C-alpha atoms as a PDB file:
ATOM      1  CA  UNK A   1       7.525   6.660   3.499  1.00  0.00           C
ATOM      2  CA  UNK A   2       3.755   6.651   3.221  1.00  0.00           C
ATOM      3  CA  UNK A   3       1.657   4.961   5.904  1.00  0.00           C
ATOM      4  CA  UNK A   4      -1.810   3.537   5.330  1.00  0.00           C
ATOM      5  CA  UNK A   5      -4.618   2.270   7.528  1.00  0.00           C
ATOM      6  CA  UNK A   6      -4.625  -1.549   7.459  1.00  0.00           C
ATOM      7  CA  UNK A   7      -8.058  -2.089   5.893  1.00  0.00           C
ATOM      8  CA  UNK A   8      -7.930   0.539   3.136  1.00  0.00           C
ATOM      9  CA  UNK A   9      -8.803  -0.969  -0.258  1.00  0.00           C
ATOM     10  CA  UNK A  10      -8.630   2.239  -2.291  1.00  0.00           C
ATOM     11  CA  UNK A  11      -7.372   5.786  -2.026  1.00  0.00           C
ATOM     12  CA  UNK A  12      -7.341   9.063  -3.913  1.00  0.00           C
ATOM     13  CA  UNK A  13      -4.282   9.695  -6.073  1.00  0.00           C
ATOM     14  CA  UNK A  14      -2.540  13.085  -6.226  1.00  0.00           C
ATOM     15  CA  UNK A  15      -3.946  13.524  -9.775  1.00  0.00           C
ATOM     16  CA  UNK A  16      -7.479  13.277  -8.350  1.00  0.00           C
ATOM     17  CA  UNK A  17      -8.019   9.777  -9.718  1.00  0.00           C
ATOM     18  CA  UNK A  18      -8.927   6.572  -7.938  1.00  0.00           C
ATOM     19  CA  UNK A  19      -6.126   4.192  -6.915  1.00  0.00           C
ATOM     20  CA  UNK A  20      -7.102   0.625  -6.055  1.00  0.00           C
ATOM     21  CA  UNK A  21      -5.085  -1.794  -3.971  1.00  0.00           C
ATOM     22  CA  UNK A  22      -3.021  -4.308  -5.954  1.00  0.00           C
ATOM     23  CA  UNK A  23      -0.540  -7.065  -5.159  1.00  0.00           C
ATOM     24  CA  UNK A  24       2.877  -5.835  -4.076  1.00  0.00           C
ATOM     25  CA  UNK A  25       6.010  -6.687  -6.027  1.00  0.00           C
ATOM     26  CA  UNK A  26       8.758  -8.669  -4.311  1.00  0.00           C
ATOM     27  CA  UNK A  27      10.776  -5.460  -4.003  1.00  0.00           C
ATOM     28  CA  UNK A  28       7.883  -3.614  -2.331  1.00  0.00           C
ATOM     29  CA  UNK A  29       7.365  -6.495   0.094  1.00  0.00           C
ATOM     30  CA  UNK A  30      11.046  -6.463   0.972  1.00  0.00           C
ATOM     31  CA  UNK A  31      11.032  -2.686   1.530  1.00  0.00           C
ATOM     32  CA  UNK A  32       7.746  -2.209   3.417  1.00  0.00           C
ATOM     33  CA  UNK A  33       6.853  -5.527   5.074  1.00  0.00           C
ATOM     34  CA  UNK A  34       7.379  -6.047   8.793  1.00  0.00           C
ATOM     35  CA  UNK A  35       8.788  -9.565   8.382  1.00  0.00           C
ATOM     36  CA  UNK A  36       6.224 -11.247  10.653  1.00  0.00           C
ATOM     37  CA  UNK A  37       3.765 -12.449   8.037  1.00  0.00           C
ATOM     38  CA  UNK A  38       3.593 -12.652   4.237  1.00  0.00           C
ATOM     39  CA  UNK A  39       2.587  -9.201   2.969  1.00  0.00           C
ATOM     40  CA  UNK A  40       1.413  -8.285   6.445  1.00  0.00           C
ATOM     41  CA  UNK A  41       2.236  -4.578   6.278  1.00  0.00           C
ATOM     42  CA  UNK A  42       3.214  -3.756   2.673  1.00  0.00           C
ATOM     43  CA  UNK A  43       0.531  -1.885   0.695  1.00  0.00           C
ATOM     44  CA  UNK A  44       0.498  -0.873  -2.982  1.00  0.00           C
ATOM     45  CA  UNK A  45      -2.124   1.045  -4.944  1.00  0.00           C
ATOM     46  CA  UNK A  46      -2.278   1.876  -8.673  1.00  0.00           C
ATOM     47  CA  UNK A  47      -4.163   4.902 -10.028  1.00  0.00           C
ATOM     48  CA  UNK A  48      -6.765   4.104 -12.697  1.00  0.00           C
ATOM     49  CA  UNK A  49      -6.170   7.466 -14.436  1.00  0.00           C
ATOM     50  CA  UNK A  50      -2.435   8.215 -14.396  1.00  0.00           C
ATOM     51  CA  UNK A  51      -1.066   4.744 -13.577  1.00  0.00           C
ATOM     52  CA  UNK A  52       1.021   5.985 -10.634  1.00  0.00           C
ATOM     53  CA  UNK A  53       2.077   3.176  -8.298  1.00  0.00           C
ATOM     54  CA  UNK A  54       1.810   4.238  -4.643  1.00  0.00           C
ATOM     55  CA  UNK A  55       3.530   2.004  -2.092  1.00  0.00           C
ATOM     56  CA  UNK A  56       4.007   2.201   1.642  1.00  0.00           C
ATOM     57  CA  UNK A  57       3.515   0.520   4.973  1.00  0.00           C
ATOM     58  CA  UNK A  58       0.294  -0.156   6.860  1.00  0.00           C
ATOM     59  CA  UNK A  59      -0.023   0.458  10.563  1.00  0.00           C
ATOM     60  CA  UNK A  60       1.054  -2.504  12.670  1.00  0.00           C
ATOM     61  CA  UNK A  61      -1.907  -4.606  13.893  1.00  0.00           C
ATOM     62  CA  UNK A  62      -1.134  -3.792  17.510  1.00  0.00           C
ATOM     63  CA  UNK A  63      -1.414  -0.056  16.720  1.00  0.00           C
ATOM     64  CA  UNK A  64      -5.086  -0.318  15.718  1.00  0.00           C
END
């Protein structure tokens, strides 16, 4: 599972492209969210070049 910093709004994709943060699907929320708050920890990014969807979990707020 990938982990992301909480405030990241974009990241580099493996293809070298730019992936911006997008809304998570219900399945991604169910898999990566902590359960405390709506979309608290689930993060999803989509690459502008290859279209790869990158999902994972953000660090818990208390870990910052």
